[in-house]
């Protein structure tokens, strides 16, 4: 979250002539709802299911730079799907910088908590070993 996946992904796609896509955008398109509404109406588990469905649909796609949501790799099934889709690149930055970036966007459902920084730090800690 906040590492620049979409921005850098777009640049990489432009440099390589590949097509750029973002799993969040594909999930929104599939659900016909904004992410905040998916979370509000159906919960995080449903959102994660939609992410997996999107990845399954992308299997076999070539010439694609794909930015994924920060939690997509937390499902073991998704890790395998991502490897089938292509090379995986982890973008990392200092946690303070990442939190500053994500704080600019009030539409991040996972951070709509009483203590967003504590939630962010917990998410980052839980995801770090999977990202590595």
C-alpha atoms as a PDB file:
ATOM      1  CA  UNK A   1       0.000   0.000   0.000  1.00  0.00           C
ATOM      2  CA  UNK A   2       1.459   3.316  -1.103  1.00  0.00           C
ATOM      3  CA  UNK A   3       4.569   1.898  -2.761  1.00  0.00           C
ATOM      4  CA  UNK A   4       3.755   3.331  -6.184  1.00  0.00           C
ATOM      5  CA  UNK A   5       2.598   0.120  -7.874  1.00  0.00           C
ATOM      6  CA  UNK A   6       0.198   1.862 -10.236  1.00  0.00           C
ATOM      7  CA  UNK A   7       2.457   4.816 -11.064  1.00  0.00           C
ATOM      8  CA  UNK A   8       5.538   2.715 -11.689  1.00  0.00           C
ATOM      9  CA  UNK A   9       3.501   0.036 -13.444  1.00  0.00           C
ATOM     10  CA  UNK A  10       2.156   2.599 -15.922  1.00  0.00           C
ATOM     11  CA  UNK A  11       5.668   3.896 -16.583  1.00  0.00           C
ATOM     12  CA  UNK A  12       7.026   0.391 -17.095  1.00  0.00           C
ATOM     13  CA  UNK A  13       4.196  -0.451 -19.477  1.00  0.00           C
ATOM     14  CA  UNK A  14       4.890   2.705 -21.486  1.00  0.00           C
ATOM     15  CA  UNK A  15       8.612   1.928 -21.653  1.00  0.00           C
ATOM     16  CA  UNK A  16       8.099  -1.680 -22.741  1.00  0.00           C
ATOM     17  CA  UNK A  17       5.036  -1.287 -24.952  1.00  0.00           C
ATOM     18  CA  UNK A  18       3.089  -3.597 -22.672  1.00  0.00           C
ATOM     19  CA  UNK A  19      -0.491  -3.091 -21.609  1.00  0.00           C
ATOM     20  CA  UNK A  20      -1.022  -1.823 -18.043  1.00  0.00           C
ATOM     21  CA  UNK A  21      -3.756  -3.033 -15.755  1.00  0.00           C
ATOM     22  CA  UNK A  22      -4.506  -2.783 -12.044  1.00  0.00           C
ATOM     23  CA  UNK A  23      -6.305  -5.533 -10.151  1.00  0.00           C
ATOM     24  CA  UNK A  24      -8.236  -2.940  -8.142  1.00  0.00           C
ATOM     25  CA  UNK A  25      -9.648  -1.465 -11.370  1.00  0.00           C
ATOM     26  CA  UNK A  26     -10.511  -4.932 -12.669  1.00  0.00           C
ATOM     27  CA  UNK A  27     -12.287  -5.815  -9.421  1.00  0.00           C
ATOM     28  CA  UNK A  28     -14.295  -2.569  -9.567  1.00  0.00           C
ATOM     29  CA  UNK A  29     -15.246  -3.336 -13.165  1.00  0.00           C
ATOM     30  CA  UNK A  30     -16.244  -6.912 -12.288  1.00  0.00           C
ATOM     31  CA  UNK A  31     -18.300  -5.903  -9.237  1.00  0.00           C
ATOM     32  CA  UNK A  32     -19.696  -2.744 -10.803  1.00  0.00           C
ATOM     33  CA  UNK A  33     -19.056  -1.085  -7.438  1.00  0.00           C
ATOM     34  CA  UNK A  34     -16.287   1.090  -5.994  1.00  0.00           C
ATOM     35  CA  UNK A  35     -13.932  -0.722  -3.629  1.00  0.00           C
ATOM     36  CA  UNK A  36     -15.321   1.103  -0.599  1.00  0.00           C
ATOM     37  CA  UNK A  37     -18.803  -0.165  -1.502  1.00  0.00           C
ATOM     38  CA  UNK A  38     -17.582  -3.716  -2.071  1.00  0.00           C
ATOM     39  CA  UNK A  39     -16.124  -3.677   1.443  1.00  0.00           C
ATOM     40  CA  UNK A  40     -19.200  -1.985   2.945  1.00  0.00           C
ATOM     41  CA  UNK A  41     -21.787  -4.211   1.266  1.00  0.00           C
ATOM     42  CA  UNK A  42     -19.972  -7.543   1.014  1.00  0.00           C
ATOM     43  CA  UNK A  43     -16.867  -7.382   3.227  1.00  0.00           C
ATOM     44  CA  UNK A  44     -13.176  -7.948   2.690  1.00  0.00           C
ATOM     45  CA  UNK A  45     -13.530 -11.697   2.053  1.00  0.00           C
ATOM     46  CA  UNK A  46     -15.711 -11.033  -0.989  1.00  0.00           C
ATOM     47  CA  UNK A  47     -13.246  -8.435  -2.264  1.00  0.00           C
ATOM     48  CA  UNK A  48     -10.422 -10.994  -1.934  1.00  0.00           C
ATOM     49  CA  UNK A  49     -12.504 -13.563  -3.849  1.00  0.00           C
ATOM     50  CA  UNK A  50     -12.970 -11.068  -6.659  1.00  0.00           C
ATOM     51  CA  UNK A  51      -9.197 -10.438  -6.737  1.00  0.00           C
ATOM     52  CA  UNK A  52      -8.613 -14.169  -7.145  1.00  0.00           C
ATOM     53  CA  UNK A  53     -11.201 -14.391  -9.920  1.00  0.00           C
ATOM     54  CA  UNK A  54      -9.495 -11.510 -11.745  1.00  0.00           C
ATOM     55  CA  UNK A  55      -6.107 -13.237 -11.484  1.00  0.00           C
ATOM     56  CA  UNK A  56      -7.602 -16.505 -12.772  1.00  0.00           C
ATOM     57  CA  UNK A  57      -8.977 -14.618 -15.785  1.00  0.00           C
ATOM     58  CA  UNK A  58      -5.529 -13.128 -16.490  1.00  0.00           C
ATOM     59  CA  UNK A  59      -3.735 -16.495 -16.671  1.00  0.00           C
ATOM     60  CA  UNK A  60      -2.123 -16.882 -20.062  1.00  0.00           C
ATOM     61  CA  UNK A  61      -2.106 -13.153 -20.751  1.00  0.00           C
ATOM     62  CA  UNK A  62       1.112 -11.843 -22.250  1.00  0.00           C
ATOM     63  CA  UNK A  63       2.455  -8.322 -22.669  1.00  0.00           C
ATOM     64  CA  UNK A  64       0.929  -7.125 -19.421  1.00  0.00           C
ATOM     65  CA  UNK A  65       2.229  -5.064 -16.529  1.00  0.00           C
ATOM     66  CA  UNK A  66      -0.113  -5.717 -13.623  1.00  0.00           C
ATOM     67  CA  UNK A  67      -0.317  -3.671 -10.441  1.00  0.00           C
ATOM     68  CA  UNK A  68      -1.946  -5.595  -7.617  1.00  0.00           C
ATOM     69  CA  UNK A  69      -3.564  -4.577  -4.385  1.00  0.00           C
ATOM     70  CA  UNK A  70      -1.286  -4.885  -1.373  1.00  0.00           C
ATOM     71  CA  UNK A  71      -3.157  -7.841   0.097  1.00  0.00           C
ATOM     72  CA  UNK A  72      -3.473  -9.943  -3.058  1.00  0.00           C
ATOM     73  CA  UNK A  73      -0.354 -11.997  -2.282  1.00  0.00           C
ATOM     74  CA  UNK A  74      -1.654 -13.000   1.145  1.00  0.00           C
ATOM     75  CA  UNK A  75      -3.677 -15.803  -0.444  1.00  0.00           C
ATOM     76  CA  UNK A  76      -1.462 -18.736  -1.338  1.00  0.00           C
ATOM     77  CA  UNK A  77      -3.604 -19.433  -4.405  1.00  0.00           C
ATOM     78  CA  UNK A  78      -2.926 -15.903  -5.639  1.00  0.00           C
ATOM     79  CA  UNK A  79       0.821 -16.345  -5.224  1.00  0.00           C
ATOM     80  CA  UNK A  80       0.693 -19.235  -7.674  1.00  0.00           C
ATOM     81  CA  UNK A  81      -1.535 -17.320 -10.069  1.00  0.00           C
ATOM     82  CA  UNK A  82       0.802 -14.323 -10.001  1.00  0.00           C
ATOM     83  CA  UNK A  83       3.761 -16.561 -10.851  1.00  0.00           C
ATOM     84  CA  UNK A  84       1.799 -17.985 -13.784  1.00  0.00           C
ATOM     85  CA  UNK A  85       0.978 -14.493 -15.045  1.00  0.00           C
ATOM     86  CA  UNK A  86       4.589 -13.299 -15.066  1.00  0.00           C
ATOM     87  CA  UNK A  87       7.519 -11.920 -13.138  1.00  0.00           C
ATOM     88  CA  UNK A  88       6.765 -10.473  -9.718  1.00  0.00           C
ATOM     89  CA  UNK A  89       8.380  -7.260  -8.517  1.00  0.00           C
ATOM     90  CA  UNK A  90       8.036  -6.017  -4.959  1.00  0.00           C
ATOM     91  CA  UNK A  91       8.156  -2.250  -4.493  1.00  0.00           C
ATOM     92  CA  UNK A  92       9.197  -1.253  -0.996  1.00  0.00           C
ATOM     93  CA  UNK A  93       9.821   1.983   0.854  1.00  0.00           C
ATOM     94  CA  UNK A  94      10.263   3.257   4.375  1.00  0.00           C
ATOM     95  CA  UNK A  95       7.055   2.684   6.403  1.00  0.00           C
ATOM     96  CA  UNK A  96       6.787   6.385   7.307  1.00  0.00           C
ATOM     97  CA  UNK A  97       6.854   7.340   3.632  1.00  0.00           C
ATOM     98  CA  UNK A  98       4.337   4.638   2.737  1.00  0.00           C
ATOM     99  CA  UNK A  99       1.956   5.740   5.485  1.00  0.00           C
ATOM    100  CA  UNK A 100       2.269   9.391   4.448  1.00  0.00           C
ATOM    101  CA  UNK A 101       1.309   8.414   0.894  1.00  0.00           C
ATOM    102  CA  UNK A 102      -1.684   6.273   1.879  1.00  0.00           C
ATOM    103  CA  UNK A 103      -2.907   8.922   4.304  1.00  0.00           C
ATOM    104  CA  UNK A 104      -3.612  11.214   1.351  1.00  0.00           C
ATOM    105  CA  UNK A 105      -6.390   8.855   0.226  1.00  0.00           C
ATOM    106  CA  UNK A 106      -9.382   8.583   2.538  1.00  0.00           C
ATOM    107  CA  UNK A 107     -10.928   5.787   0.418  1.00  0.00           C
ATOM    108  CA  UNK A 108      -8.736   2.951   1.719  1.00  0.00           C
ATOM    109  CA  UNK A 109     -11.222   0.672   3.474  1.00  0.00           C
ATOM    110  CA  UNK A 110      -8.605  -1.236   5.464  1.00  0.00           C
ATOM    111  CA  UNK A 111      -7.446   2.004   7.070  1.00  0.00           C
ATOM    112  CA  UNK A 112     -10.881   3.280   8.077  1.00  0.00           C
ATOM    113  CA  UNK A 113     -10.156   2.415  11.695  1.00  0.00           C
ATOM    114  CA  UNK A 114      -9.781   4.244  14.975  1.00  0.00           C
ATOM    115  CA  UNK A 115      -5.990   4.219  14.620  1.00  0.00           C
ATOM    116  CA  UNK A 116      -5.035   4.067  10.920  1.00  0.00           C
ATOM    117  CA  UNK A 117      -1.280   4.141  11.588  1.00  0.00           C
ATOM    118  CA  UNK A 118      -1.477   1.191  13.957  1.00  0.00           C
ATOM    119  CA  UNK A 119      -3.597  -0.683  11.406  1.00  0.00           C
ATOM    120  CA  UNK A 120      -1.160   0.183   8.623  1.00  0.00           C
ATOM    121  CA  UNK A 121       1.831  -1.006  10.660  1.00  0.00           C
ATOM    122  CA  UNK A 122       0.043  -4.267  11.510  1.00  0.00           C
ATOM    123  CA  UNK A 123      -0.840  -4.893   7.855  1.00  0.00           C
ATOM    124  CA  UNK A 124       2.713  -4.173   6.764  1.00  0.00           C
ATOM    125  CA  UNK A 125       4.147  -6.467   9.416  1.00  0.00           C
ATOM    126  CA  UNK A 126       1.767  -9.280   8.470  1.00  0.00           C
ATOM    127  CA  UNK A 127       2.516  -8.931   4.747  1.00  0.00           C
ATOM    128  CA  UNK A 128       6.280  -8.374   4.873  1.00  0.00           C
ATOM    129  CA  UNK A 129       7.392 -12.005   5.031  1.00  0.00           C
ATOM    130  CA  UNK A 130       5.042 -12.949   2.170  1.00  0.00           C
ATOM    131  CA  UNK A 131       6.351 -10.069   0.064  1.00  0.00           C
ATOM    132  CA  UNK A 132       9.937 -11.165   0.695  1.00  0.00           C
END
